[in-house]
Protein backbone atom coordinates (compact mmCIF):
# COMPACT_ATOMS: atom_id res chain seq x y z
CA MET A 1 -27.05 145.31 78.65
CA SER A 2 -29.38 147.90 77.18
CA TYR A 3 -32.73 146.72 75.92
CA SER A 4 -34.90 148.33 73.28
CA VAL A 5 -38.66 148.74 73.52
CA LEU A 6 -41.20 149.66 70.85
CA ILE A 7 -44.38 151.32 72.11
CA VAL A 8 -47.36 150.90 69.77
CA ASP A 9 -50.22 153.18 70.81
CA ASP A 10 -52.46 155.57 68.90
CA HIS A 11 -52.70 158.01 71.84
CA PRO A 12 -49.72 160.42 71.99
CA ALA A 13 -50.12 161.07 75.73
CA ASN A 14 -49.88 157.35 76.52
CA MET A 15 -46.79 156.99 74.31
CA LYS A 16 -45.14 159.98 75.95
CA LEU A 17 -45.76 158.71 79.50
CA VAL A 18 -44.61 155.14 78.84
CA SER A 19 -41.63 156.36 76.81
CA PHE A 20 -40.56 158.63 79.67
CA LEU A 21 -40.91 155.88 82.29
CA LEU A 22 -38.89 153.34 80.32
CA ALA A 23 -36.22 155.75 79.06
CA LYS A 24 -35.68 156.85 82.67
CA LYS A 25 -34.85 153.20 83.48
CA GLY A 26 -32.33 152.97 80.63
CA TYR A 27 -34.39 151.43 77.85
CA ALA A 28 -33.87 152.58 74.27
CA VAL A 29 -37.44 153.54 73.36
CA SER A 30 -39.07 154.01 69.97
CA CYS A 31 -42.73 154.63 69.19
CA ALA A 32 -45.26 153.79 66.51
CA SER A 33 -48.72 155.35 66.40
CA SER A 34 -50.32 152.43 64.52
CA ALA A 35 -49.83 148.74 63.86
CA ALA A 36 -48.89 149.55 60.26
CA ALA A 37 -46.17 151.94 61.47
CA ALA A 38 -44.92 149.26 63.89
CA ILE A 39 -44.70 146.69 61.09
CA GLU A 40 -42.73 149.17 58.99
CA ARG A 41 -40.35 149.92 61.87
CA LEU A 42 -39.78 146.19 62.44
CA GLU A 43 -38.37 145.93 58.91
CA THR A 44 -35.22 147.72 60.09
CA SER A 45 -35.07 147.22 63.86
CA ILE A 46 -36.10 144.35 66.16
CA PRO A 47 -36.73 145.44 69.77
CA SER A 48 -36.43 143.34 72.91
CA ALA A 49 -40.08 144.08 73.79
CA ILE A 50 -43.19 145.64 72.32
CA LEU A 51 -45.86 147.33 74.42
CA LEU A 52 -48.97 146.92 72.35
CA ASP A 53 -52.23 148.82 72.68
CA LEU A 54 -55.05 146.38 71.97
CA GLN A 55 -57.52 149.00 70.67
CA MET A 56 -56.13 150.71 67.58
CA PRO A 57 -57.93 152.01 64.51
CA ASP A 58 -56.03 150.22 61.74
CA ILE A 59 -55.01 146.75 62.91
CA ASP A 60 -55.92 145.85 66.48
CA GLY A 61 -53.33 144.61 68.95
CA PHE A 62 -54.68 141.05 68.92
CA SER A 63 -54.12 140.79 65.16
CA LEU A 64 -50.68 142.39 65.36
CA ALA A 65 -49.63 140.01 68.16
CA ARG A 66 -50.69 136.98 66.09
CA ARG A 67 -48.77 138.32 63.10
CA LEU A 68 -45.63 138.94 65.14
CA LYS A 69 -45.67 135.50 66.76
CA ALA A 70 -46.18 133.80 63.38
CA ASP A 71 -43.07 135.49 61.90
CA PRO A 72 -39.72 133.80 62.68
CA ARG A 73 -38.02 137.24 62.72
CA THR A 74 -40.27 138.61 65.47
CA ARG A 75 -41.64 135.62 67.41
CA HIS A 76 -38.98 135.94 70.13
CA ILE A 77 -39.98 139.53 71.04
CA ALA A 78 -41.62 139.94 74.46
CA LEU A 79 -45.14 141.31 73.89
CA LEU A 80 -46.99 143.23 76.59
CA ALA A 81 -50.65 143.96 75.87
CA VAL A 82 -51.78 147.33 77.20
CA THR A 83 -55.44 148.34 77.20
CA ALA A 84 -57.89 150.83 78.63
CA TYR A 85 -60.91 148.74 77.70
CA ALA A 86 -60.43 145.67 79.85
CA MET A 87 -63.37 143.44 79.06
CA ILE A 88 -63.97 139.97 80.44
CA GLY A 89 -61.88 137.57 78.40
CA ASP A 90 -59.53 140.20 76.92
CA GLU A 91 -56.50 138.98 78.88
CA ARG A 92 -57.17 135.41 77.75
CA ARG A 93 -57.59 136.59 74.14
CA ALA A 94 -54.36 138.61 74.34
CA ARG A 95 -52.41 135.64 75.66
CA GLU A 96 -53.93 133.34 73.02
CA ALA A 97 -52.83 135.87 70.37
CA GLY A 98 -49.26 135.58 71.67
CA CYS A 99 -48.89 138.30 74.31
CA ASP A 100 -46.59 137.41 77.17
CA GLY A 101 -48.14 139.86 79.61
CA TYR A 102 -51.17 142.10 80.09
CA VAL A 103 -51.64 145.43 81.86
CA THR A 104 -54.58 147.78 82.03
CA LYS A 105 -54.69 151.55 81.79
CA PRO A 106 -54.29 153.69 83.72
CA ILE A 107 -50.81 152.19 83.94
CA ASP A 108 -49.20 151.68 87.33
CA THR A 109 -46.18 153.89 86.67
CA ARG A 110 -44.14 152.36 89.50
CA ALA A 111 -44.73 148.77 88.40
CA LEU A 112 -44.43 149.06 84.61
CA PRO A 113 -40.60 149.12 84.29
CA GLY A 114 -40.36 145.98 86.45
CA ILE A 115 -43.06 144.22 84.42
CA VAL A 116 -41.20 145.02 81.19
CA ALA A 117 -37.87 143.84 82.66
CA ALA A 118 -39.40 140.56 83.84
CA LEU A 119 -40.95 139.88 80.42
CA ILE A 120 -37.68 140.55 78.60
CA GLU A 121 -35.73 138.34 80.99
CA ASP A 122 -38.31 135.57 80.70
CA ARG A 123 -38.22 135.65 76.88
CA ALA A 124 -34.39 135.69 76.92
CA ARG A 125 -34.35 132.50 79.02
CA ARG A 126 -36.50 130.63 76.48
């Protein structure tokens, strides 16, 4: 089974790296450079997982995660918070907002595909 992943990140280099890593493992990858663009994309396509940058200029990842988990159309999507600014309490805040996992940048390129796979499988079992 092929899974789809939406990467939401306002830094093109981060999107390119993560997109490459996941596409190489067989994921169908799409990207959005803002939370607003992600919301628009979700109107027509629901991915298996969303990798969500927590620090974005329009709507932050915490707010987007809460919005997605409150919507019956998107609440089943596996959410992985991704951040470069790991402050004390951010992982707890991300999980309280509805994120199923949390990784910090720089991303461990060897571990990321396995983390995404485990999150998708876990959400599918629920």
